[in-house]
Amino acid sequence: MEFFRYCPGCGRRFHIKLVGKTLVSANKASWPKQVVTNLTGPARYGASPALIVVQEDKPVVVEHEEFQYAYKCGHCGHEWTEMVEETHREQ
């Protein structure tokens, strides 16, 4: 894959090639999702107690991945790596 970026070696903006992509770490976590509903009735004598209903819904699953990208400059041949984090939330 080729695209334009600045090379940290020569400082020019030339074709940068993605040489490699390595998965460094992957985590998957899930948390219970709660739906809160506030049910209040008509006020009587100036005050009414609030009724709050909490319901459990399907859990939220979050995937966190960390990749190491290896790049090479098309002009000077300089090679370097960068760490990139990606977070995905499943519905």
PDB file of N, CA and C in Angstrom:
ATOM      1  N   MET A   1       0.851  -1.160   0.000  1.00  0.00           N
ATOM      2  CA  MET A   1       0.000   0.000   0.000  1.00  0.00           C
ATOM      3  C   MET A   1       0.908   1.238   0.000  1.00  0.00           C
ATOM      4  N   GLU A   2       0.631   2.174  -0.866  1.00  0.00           N
ATOM      5  CA  GLU A   2       1.418   3.397  -0.953  1.00  0.00           C
ATOM      6  C   GLU A   2       0.525   4.612  -0.704  1.00  0.00           C
ATOM      7  N   PHE A   3       1.084   5.613  -0.037  1.00  0.00           N
ATOM      8  CA  PHE A   3       0.383   6.864   0.192  1.00  0.00           C
ATOM      9  C   PHE A   3       1.417   7.946   0.481  1.00  0.00           C
ATOM     10  N   PHE A   4       0.991   9.187   0.545  1.00  0.00           N
ATOM     11  CA  PHE A   4       1.888  10.304   0.779  1.00  0.00           C
ATOM     12  C   PHE A   4       1.934  10.647   2.263  1.00  0.00           C
ATOM     13  N   ARG A   5       3.157  10.681   2.810  1.00  0.00           N
ATOM     14  CA  ARG A   5       3.404  11.120   4.186  1.00  0.00           C
ATOM     15  C   ARG A   5       4.786  11.711   4.256  1.00  0.00           C
ATOM     16  N   TYR A   6       5.070  12.403   5.337  1.00  0.00           N
ATOM     17  CA  TYR A   6       6.404  12.952   5.531  1.00  0.00           C
ATOM     18  C   TYR A   6       7.318  11.896   6.139  1.00  0.00           C
ATOM     19  N   CYS A   7       8.503  11.759   5.583  1.00  0.00           N
ATOM     20  CA  CYS A   7       9.492  10.811   6.086  1.00  0.00           C
ATOM     21  C   CYS A   7      10.247  11.457   7.246  1.00  0.00           C
ATOM     22  N   PRO A   8      10.387  10.773   8.393  1.00  0.00           N
ATOM     23  CA  PRO A   8      11.151  11.356   9.497  1.00  0.00           C
ATOM     24  C   PRO A   8      12.654  11.389   9.205  1.00  0.00           C
ATOM     25  N   GLY A   9      13.114  10.623   8.212  1.00  0.00           N
ATOM     26  CA  GLY A   9      14.537  10.604   7.874  1.00  0.00           C
ATOM     27  C   GLY A   9      14.945  11.781   7.021  1.00  0.00           C
ATOM     28  N   CYS A  10      14.281  11.970   5.877  1.00  0.00           N
ATOM     29  CA  CYS A  10      14.665  13.041   4.953  1.00  0.00           C
ATOM     30  C   CYS A  10      13.741  14.256   5.047  1.00  0.00           C
ATOM     31  N   GLY A  11      12.568  14.112   5.676  1.00  0.00           N
ATOM     32  CA  GLY A  11      11.655  15.231   5.849  1.00  0.00           C
ATOM     33  C   GLY A  11      10.848  15.565   4.615  1.00  0.00           C
ATOM     34  N   ARG A  12      11.009  14.809   3.546  1.00  0.00           N
ATOM     35  CA  ARG A  12      10.273  15.077   2.318  1.00  0.00           C
ATOM     36  C   ARG A  12       8.971  14.287   2.294  1.00  0.00           C
ATOM     37  N   ARG A  13       8.087  14.772   1.448  1.00  0.00           N
ATOM     38  CA  ARG A  13       6.794  14.101   1.310  1.00  0.00           C
ATOM     39  C   ARG A  13       6.816  13.301   0.010  1.00  0.00           C
ATOM     40  N   PHE A  14       7.120  12.026   0.136  1.00  0.00           N
ATOM     41  CA  PHE A  14       7.194  11.138  -1.015  1.00  0.00           C
ATOM     42  C   PHE A  14       6.311   9.932  -0.777  1.00  0.00           C
ATOM     43  N   HIS A  15       6.378   8.995  -1.684  1.00  0.00           N
ATOM     44  CA  HIS A  15       5.619   7.759  -1.527  1.00  0.00           C
ATOM     45  C   HIS A  15       6.156   6.984  -0.326  1.00  0.00           C
ATOM     46  N   ILE A  16       5.283   6.722   0.600  1.00  0.00           N
ATOM     47  CA  ILE A  16       5.622   5.926   1.765  1.00  0.00           C
ATOM     48  C   ILE A  16       4.951   4.573   1.575  1.00  0.00           C
ATOM     49  N   LYS A  17       5.704   3.507   1.745  1.00  0.00           N
ATOM     50  CA  LYS A  17       5.167   2.159   1.565  1.00  0.00           C
ATOM     51  C   LYS A  17       4.941   1.514   2.920  1.00  0.00           C
ATOM     52  N   LEU A  18       3.769   0.896   3.068  1.00  0.00           N
ATOM     53  CA  LEU A  18       3.478   0.122   4.273  1.00  0.00           C
ATOM     54  C   LEU A  18       4.117  -1.243   4.076  1.00  0.00           C
ATOM     55  N   VAL A  19       5.184  -1.525   4.833  1.00  0.00           N
ATOM     56  CA  VAL A  19       5.948  -2.758   4.673  1.00  0.00           C
ATOM     57  C   VAL A  19       5.326  -3.893   5.477  1.00  0.00           C
ATOM     58  N   GLY A  20       4.849  -3.609   6.686  1.00  0.00           N
ATOM     59  CA  GLY A  20       4.296  -4.666   7.522  1.00  0.00           C
ATOM     60  C   GLY A  20       3.315  -4.139   8.550  1.00  0.00           C
ATOM     61  N   LYS A  21       2.430  -5.018   8.987  1.00  0.00           N
ATOM     62  CA  LYS A  21       1.445  -4.700  10.022  1.00  0.00           C
ATOM     63  C   LYS A  21       1.410  -5.885  10.971  1.00  0.00           C
ATOM     64  N   THR A  22       1.754  -5.646  12.247  1.00  0.00           N
ATOM     65  CA  THR A  22       1.839  -6.715  13.236  1.00  0.00           C
ATOM     66  C   THR A  22       0.897  -6.411  14.394  1.00  0.00           C
ATOM     67  N   LEU A  23       0.132  -7.412  14.805  1.00  0.00           N
ATOM     68  CA  LEU A  23      -0.747  -7.273  15.961  1.00  0.00           C
ATOM     69  C   LEU A  23       0.095  -7.447  17.225  1.00  0.00           C
ATOM     70  N   VAL A  24       0.151  -6.421  18.061  1.00  0.00           N
ATOM     71  CA  VAL A  24       0.958  -6.457  19.271  1.00  0.00           C
ATOM     72  C   VAL A  24       0.137  -6.997  20.435  1.00  0.00           C
ATOM     73  N   SER A  25      -1.089  -6.483  20.607  1.00  0.00           N
ATOM     74  CA  SER A  25      -1.950  -6.957  21.685  1.00  0.00           C
ATOM     75  C   SER A  25      -3.411  -6.782  21.294  1.00  0.00           C
ATOM     76  N   ALA A  26      -4.252  -7.631  21.877  1.00  0.00           N
ATOM     77  CA  ALA A  26      -5.694  -7.565  21.628  1.00  0.00           C
ATOM     78  C   ALA A  26      -6.417  -7.871  22.927  1.00  0.00           C
ATOM     79  N   ASN A  27      -7.337  -7.004  23.299  1.00  0.00           N
ATOM     80  CA  ASN A  27      -8.146  -7.185  24.503  1.00  0.00           C
ATOM     81  C   ASN A  27      -9.610  -7.086  24.126  1.00  0.00           C
ATOM     82  N   LYS A  28     -10.420  -7.906  24.777  1.00  0.00           N
ATOM     83  CA  LYS A  28     -11.863  -7.876  24.565  1.00  0.00           C
ATOM     84  C   LYS A  28     -12.520  -7.829  25.932  1.00  0.00           C
ATOM     85  N   ALA A  29     -13.353  -6.831  26.151  1.00  0.00           N
ATOM     86  CA  ALA A  29     -14.016  -6.661  27.438  1.00  0.00           C
ATOM     87  C   ALA A  29     -15.500  -6.440  27.212  1.00  0.00           C
ATOM     88  N   SER A  30     -16.293  -6.875  28.181  1.00  0.00           N
ATOM     89  CA  SER A  30     -17.738  -6.646  28.092  1.00  0.00           C
ATOM     90  C   SER A  30     -18.237  -6.110  29.432  1.00  0.00           C
ATOM     91  N   TRP A  31     -19.147  -5.161  29.349  1.00  0.00           N
ATOM     92  CA  TRP A  31     -19.750  -4.560  30.526  1.00  0.00           C
ATOM     93  C   TRP A  31     -21.260  -4.677  30.403  1.00  0.00           C
ATOM     94  N   PRO A  32     -21.927  -4.893  31.519  1.00  0.00           N
ATOM     95  CA  PRO A  32     -23.384  -4.939  31.458  1.00  0.00           C
ATOM     96  C   PRO A  32     -23.943  -3.551  31.152  1.00  0.00           C
ATOM     97  N   LYS A  33     -24.899  -3.514  30.256  1.00  0.00           N
ATOM     98  CA  LYS A  33     -25.534  -2.251  29.891  1.00  0.00           C
ATOM     99  C   LYS A  33     -26.823  -2.125  30.687  1.00  0.00           C
ATOM    100  N   GLN A  34     -27.032  -0.961  31.288  1.00  0.00           N
ATOM    101  CA  GLN A  34     -28.225  -0.731  32.079  1.00  0.00           C
ATOM    102  C   GLN A  34     -29.039   0.393  31.458  1.00  0.00           C
ATOM    103  N   VAL A  35     -30.334   0.182  31.415  1.00  0.00           N
ATOM    104  CA  VAL A  35     -31.259   1.191  30.913  1.00  0.00           C
ATOM    105  C   VAL A  35     -32.017   1.742  32.116  1.00  0.00           C
ATOM    106  N   VAL A  36     -31.926   3.054  32.304  1.00  0.00           N
ATOM    107  CA  VAL A  36     -32.579   3.698  33.445  1.00  0.00           C
ATOM    108  C   VAL A  36     -33.797   4.459  32.944  1.00  0.00           C
ATOM    109  N   THR A  37     -34.948   4.177  33.549  1.00  0.00           N
ATOM    110  CA  THR A  37     -36.194   4.852  33.188  1.00  0.00           C
ATOM    111  C   THR A  37     -36.724   5.554  34.430  1.00  0.00           C
ATOM    112  N   ASN A  38     -37.063   6.807  34.267  1.00  0.00           N
ATOM    113  CA  ASN A  38     -37.600   7.583  35.378  1.00  0.00           C
ATOM    114  C   ASN A  38     -39.110   7.699  35.186  1.00  0.00           C
ATOM    115  N   LEU A  39     -39.859   7.051  36.057  1.00  0.00           N
ATOM    116  CA  LEU A  39     -41.311   7.083  35.976  1.00  0.00           C
ATOM    117  C   LEU A  39     -41.848   7.917  37.139  1.00  0.00           C
ATOM    118  N   THR A  40     -42.335   9.065  36.819  1.00  0.00           N
ATOM    119  CA  THR A  40     -42.929   9.904  37.866  1.00  0.00           C
ATOM    120  C   THR A  40     -44.383  10.146  37.524  1.00  0.00           C
ATOM    121  N   GLY A  41     -45.204  10.029  38.504  1.00  0.00           N
ATOM    122  CA  GLY A  41     -46.628  10.243  38.314  1.00  0.00           C
ATOM    123  C   GLY A  41     -46.989  11.698  38.526  1.00  0.00           C
ATOM    124  N   PRO A  42     -48.255  12.007  38.444  1.00  0.00           N
ATOM    125  CA  PRO A  42     -48.675  13.390  38.681  1.00  0.00           C
ATOM    126  C   PRO A  42     -48.406  13.779  40.138  1.00  0.00           C
ATOM    127  N   ALA A  43     -48.036  15.012  40.318  1.00  0.00           N
ATOM    128  CA  ALA A  43     -47.716  15.502  41.664  1.00  0.00           C
ATOM    129  C   ALA A  43     -48.997  15.673  42.476  1.00  0.00           C
ATOM    130  N   ARG A  44     -48.964  15.144  43.678  1.00  0.00           N
ATOM    131  CA  ARG A  44     -50.106  15.286  44.576  1.00  0.00           C
ATOM    132  C   ARG A  44     -49.656  16.028  45.821  1.00  0.00           C
ATOM    133  N   TYR A  45     -50.381  17.037  46.139  1.00  0.00           N
ATOM    134  CA  TYR A  45     -50.113  17.848  47.321  1.00  0.00           C
ATOM    135  C   TYR A  45     -48.691  18.418  47.284  1.00  0.00           C
ATOM    136  N   GLY A  46     -48.193  18.712  46.099  1.00  0.00           N
ATOM    137  CA  GLY A  46     -46.901  19.383  45.988  1.00  0.00           C
ATOM    138  C   GLY A  46     -45.689  18.480  45.940  1.00  0.00           C
ATOM    139  N   ALA A  47     -45.839  17.188  46.235  1.00  0.00           N
ATOM    140  CA  ALA A  47     -44.668  16.306  46.205  1.00  0.00           C
ATOM    141  C   ALA A  47     -45.100  14.890  45.851  1.00  0.00           C
ATOM    142  N   SER A  48     -44.300  14.243  45.050  1.00  0.00           N
ATOM    143  CA  SER A  48     -44.552  12.838  44.748  1.00  0.00           C
ATOM    144  C   SER A  48     -43.203  12.128  44.682  1.00  0.00           C
ATOM    145  N   PRO A  49     -43.141  10.905  45.161  1.00  0.00           N
ATOM    146  CA  PRO A  49     -41.872  10.184  45.114  1.00  0.00           C
ATOM    147  C   PRO A  49     -41.541   9.784  43.666  1.00  0.00           C
ATOM    148  N   ALA A  50     -40.266   9.821  43.340  1.00  0.00           N
ATOM    149  CA  ALA A  50     -39.806   9.438  42.003  1.00  0.00           C
ATOM    150  C   ALA A  50     -39.591   7.927  41.965  1.00  0.00           C
ATOM    151  N   LEU A  51     -40.043   7.307  40.900  1.00  0.00           N
ATOM    152  CA  LEU A  51     -39.868   5.874  40.718  1.00  0.00           C
ATOM    153  C   LEU A  51     -38.861   5.665  39.595  1.00  0.00           C
ATOM    154  N   ILE A  52     -37.741   5.055  39.903  1.00  0.00           N
ATOM    155  CA  ILE A  52     -36.690   4.821  38.916  1.00  0.00           C
ATOM    156  C   ILE A  52     -36.574   3.320  38.688  1.00  0.00           C
ATOM    157  N   VAL A  53     -36.647   2.913  37.421  1.00  0.00           N
ATOM    158  CA  VAL A  53     -36.568   1.508  37.056  1.00  0.00           C
ATOM    159  C   VAL A  53     -35.251   1.278  36.315  1.00  0.00           C
ATOM    160  N   VAL A  54     -34.470   0.302  36.783  1.00  0.00           N
ATOM    161  CA  VAL A  54     -33.203  -0.054  36.144  1.00  0.00           C
ATOM    162  C   VAL A  54     -33.361  -1.439  35.551  1.00  0.00           C
ATOM    163  N   GLN A  55     -33.088  -1.544  34.242  1.00  0.00           N
ATOM    164  CA  GLN A  55     -33.215  -2.828  33.555  1.00  0.00           C
ATOM    165  C   GLN A  55     -31.877  -3.220  32.960  1.00  0.00           C
ATOM    166  N   GLU A  56     -31.595  -4.521  32.982  1.00  0.00           N
ATOM    167  CA  GLU A  56     -30.385  -5.033  32.358  1.00  0.00           C
ATOM    168  C   GLU A  56     -30.659  -5.268  30.882  1.00  0.00           C
ATOM    169  N   ASP A  57     -29.724  -4.837  30.038  1.00  0.00           N
ATOM    170  CA  ASP A  57     -29.827  -5.024  28.598  1.00  0.00           C
ATOM    171  C   ASP A  57     -28.651  -5.898  28.161  1.00  0.00           C
ATOM    172  N   LYS A  58     -28.551  -6.159  26.867  1.00  0.00           N
ATOM    173  CA  LYS A  58     -27.428  -6.950  26.361  1.00  0.00           C
ATOM    174  C   LYS A  58     -26.111  -6.248  26.707  1.00  0.00           C
ATOM    175  N   PRO A  59     -25.061  -7.004  27.072  1.00  0.00           N
ATOM    176  CA  PRO A  59     -23.799  -6.359  27.452  1.00  0.00           C
ATOM    177  C   PRO A  59     -23.122  -5.671  26.263  1.00  0.00           C
ATOM    178  N   VAL A  60     -22.324  -4.648  26.583  1.00  0.00           N
ATOM    179  CA  VAL A  60     -21.561  -3.911  25.582  1.00  0.00           C
ATOM    180  C   VAL A  60     -20.183  -4.563  25.485  1.00  0.00           C
ATOM    181  N   VAL A  61     -19.773  -4.953  24.266  1.00  0.00           N
ATOM    182  CA  VAL A  61     -18.484  -5.593  24.041  1.00  0.00           C
ATOM    183  C   VAL A  61     -17.562  -4.597  23.329  1.00  0.00           C
ATOM    184  N   VAL A  62     -16.387  -4.369  23.918  1.00  0.00           N
ATOM    185  CA  VAL A  62     -15.411  -3.444  23.361  1.00  0.00           C
ATOM    186  C   VAL A  62     -14.125  -4.205  23.062  1.00  0.00           C
ATOM    187  N   GLU A  63     -13.649  -4.089  21.812  1.00  0.00           N
ATOM    188  CA  GLU A  63     -12.396  -4.724  21.404  1.00  0.00           C
ATOM    189  C   GLU A  63     -11.327  -3.645  21.262  1.00  0.00           C
ATOM    190  N   HIS A  64     -10.196  -3.863  21.904  1.00  0.00           N
ATOM    191  CA  HIS A  64      -9.076  -2.920  21.831  1.00  0.00           C
ATOM    192  C   HIS A  64      -7.878  -3.670  21.248  1.00  0.00           C
ATOM    193  N   GLU A  65      -7.365  -3.182  20.116  1.00  0.00           N
ATOM    194  CA  GLU A  65      -6.231  -3.823  19.449  1.00  0.00           C
ATOM    195  C   GLU A  65      -5.110  -2.804  19.275  1.00  0.00           C
ATOM    196  N   GLU A  66      -3.888  -3.279  19.391  1.00  0.00           N
ATOM    197  CA  GLU A  66      -2.713  -2.432  19.214  1.00  0.00           C
ATOM    198  C   GLU A  66      -1.852  -3.040  18.112  1.00  0.00           C
ATOM    199  N   PHE A  67      -1.583  -2.239  17.063  1.00  0.00           N
ATOM    200  CA  PHE A  67      -0.815  -2.705  15.918  1.00  0.00           C
ATOM    201  C   PHE A  67       0.498  -1.946  15.823  1.00  0.00           C
ATOM    202  N   GLN A  68       1.488  -2.604  15.243  1.00  0.00           N
ATOM    203  CA  GLN A  68       2.753  -1.955  14.923  1.00  0.00           C
ATOM    204  C   GLN A  68       2.882  -1.936  13.406  1.00  0.00           C
ATOM    205  N   TYR A  69       2.902  -0.727  12.820  1.00  0.00           N
ATOM    206  CA  TYR A  69       3.031  -0.552  11.382  1.00  0.00           C
ATOM    207  C   TYR A  69       4.486  -0.269  11.043  1.00  0.00           C
ATOM    208  N   ALA A  70       5.003  -0.904   9.992  1.00  0.00           N
ATOM    209  CA  ALA A  70       6.362  -0.665   9.510  1.00  0.00           C
ATOM    210  C   ALA A  70       6.266   0.054   8.166  1.00  0.00           C
ATOM    211  N   TYR A  71       6.974   1.184   8.036  1.00  0.00           N
ATOM    212  CA  TYR A  71       6.932   2.005   6.835  1.00  0.00           C
ATOM    213  C   TYR A  71       8.320   2.096   6.204  1.00  0.00           C
ATOM    214  N   LYS A  72       8.346   2.415   4.909  1.00  0.00           N
ATOM    215  CA  LYS A  72       9.599   2.638   4.198  1.00  0.00           C
ATOM    216  C   LYS A  72       9.403   3.810   3.239  1.00  0.00           C
ATOM    217  N   CYS A  73      10.354   4.763   3.259  1.00  0.00           N
ATOM    218  CA  CYS A  73      10.294   5.928   2.398  1.00  0.00           C
ATOM    219  C   CYS A  73      10.723   5.538   0.984  1.00  0.00           C
ATOM    220  N   GLY A  74       9.950   5.970  -0.002  1.00  0.00           N
ATOM    221  CA  GLY A  74      10.267   5.675  -1.392  1.00  0.00           C
ATOM    222  C   GLY A  74      11.390   6.536  -1.939  1.00  0.00           C
ATOM    223  N   HIS A  75      11.782   7.593  -1.231  1.00  0.00           N
ATOM    224  CA  HIS A  75      12.836   8.495  -1.702  1.00  0.00           C
ATOM    225  C   HIS A  75      14.203   8.122  -1.138  1.00  0.00           C
ATOM    226  N   CYS A  76      14.309   8.048   0.195  1.00  0.00           N
ATOM    227  CA  CYS A  76      15.622   7.802   0.807  1.00  0.00           C
ATOM    228  C   CYS A  76      15.784   6.376   1.321  1.00  0.00           C
ATOM    229  N   GLY A  77      14.695   5.598   1.389  1.00  0.00           N
ATOM    230  CA  GLY A  77      14.778   4.217   1.861  1.00  0.00           C
ATOM    231  C   GLY A  77      14.749   4.077   3.372  1.00  0.00           C
ATOM    232  N   HIS A  78      14.508   5.165   4.095  1.00  0.00           N
ATOM    233  CA  HIS A  78      14.442   5.130   5.559  1.00  0.00           C
ATOM    234  C   HIS A  78      13.272   4.256   6.008  1.00  0.00           C
ATOM    235  N   GLU A  79      13.490   3.420   7.020  1.00  0.00           N
ATOM    236  CA  GLU A  79      12.438   2.550   7.563  1.00  0.00           C
ATOM    237  C   GLU A  79      12.185   2.922   9.014  1.00  0.00           C
ATOM    238  N   TRP A  80      10.908   2.915   9.416  1.00  0.00           N
ATOM    239  CA  TRP A  80      10.533   3.205  10.788  1.00  0.00           C
ATOM    240  C   TRP A  80       9.231   2.501  11.111  1.00  0.00           C
ATOM    241  N   THR A  81       8.895   2.457  12.414  1.00  0.00           N
ATOM    242  CA  THR A  81       7.668   1.805  12.871  1.00  0.00           C
ATOM    243  C   THR A  81       6.868   2.789  13.714  1.00  0.00           C
ATOM    244  N   GLU A  82       5.561   2.564  13.731  1.00  0.00           N
ATOM    245  CA  GLU A  82       4.641   3.366  14.543  1.00  0.00           C
ATOM    246  C   GLU A  82       3.641   2.440  15.210  1.00  0.00           C
ATOM    247  N   MET A  83       3.238   2.793  16.427  1.00  0.00           N
ATOM    248  CA  MET A  83       2.218   2.038  17.154  1.00  0.00           C
ATOM    249  C   MET A  83       0.869   2.724  16.945  1.00  0.00           C
ATOM    250  N   VAL A  84      -0.153   1.941  16.600  1.00  0.00           N
ATOM    251  CA  VAL A  84      -1.497   2.459  16.351  1.00  0.00           C
ATOM    252  C   VAL A  84      -2.486   1.648  17.180  1.00  0.00           C
ATOM    253  N   GLU A  85      -3.360   2.338  17.891  1.00  0.00           N
ATOM    254  CA  GLU A  85      -4.394   1.681  18.691  1.00  0.00           C
ATOM    255  C   GLU A  85      -5.744   1.814  18.002  1.00  0.00           C
ATOM    256  N   GLU A  86      -6.500   0.724  17.989  1.00  0.00           N
ATOM    257  CA  GLU A  86      -7.836   0.729  17.403  1.00  0.00           C
ATOM    258  C   GLU A  86      -8.819   0.175  18.415  1.00  0.00           C
ATOM    259  N   THR A  87      -9.936   0.850  18.575  1.00  0.00           N
ATOM    260  CA  THR A  87     -10.972   0.418  19.503  1.00  0.00           C
ATOM    261  C   THR A  87     -12.282   0.286  18.735  1.00  0.00           C
ATOM    262  N   HIS A  88     -12.920  -0.865  18.869  1.00  0.00           N
ATOM    263  CA  HIS A  88     -14.188  -1.141  18.189  1.00  0.00           C
ATOM    264  C   HIS A  88     -15.237  -1.513  19.231  1.00  0.00           C
ATOM    265  N   ARG A  89     -16.422  -0.986  19.049  1.00  0.00           N
ATOM    266  CA  ARG A  89     -17.525  -1.296  19.952  1.00  0.00           C
ATOM    267  C   ARG A  89     -18.574  -2.077  19.158  1.00  0.00           C
ATOM    268  N   GLU A  90     -18.882  -3.280  19.651  1.00  0.00           N
ATOM    269  CA  GLU A  90     -19.895  -4.112  18.988  1.00  0.00           C
ATOM    270  C   GLU A  90     -21.273  -3.714  19.475  1.00  0.00           C
ATOM    271  N   GLN A  91     -22.214  -3.705  18.572  1.00  0.00           N
ATOM    272  CA  GLN A  91     -23.587  -3.344  18.921  1.00  0.00           C
ATOM    273  C   GLN A  91     -24.395  -4.571  19.250  1.00  0.00           C
TER     274      GLN A  91
END
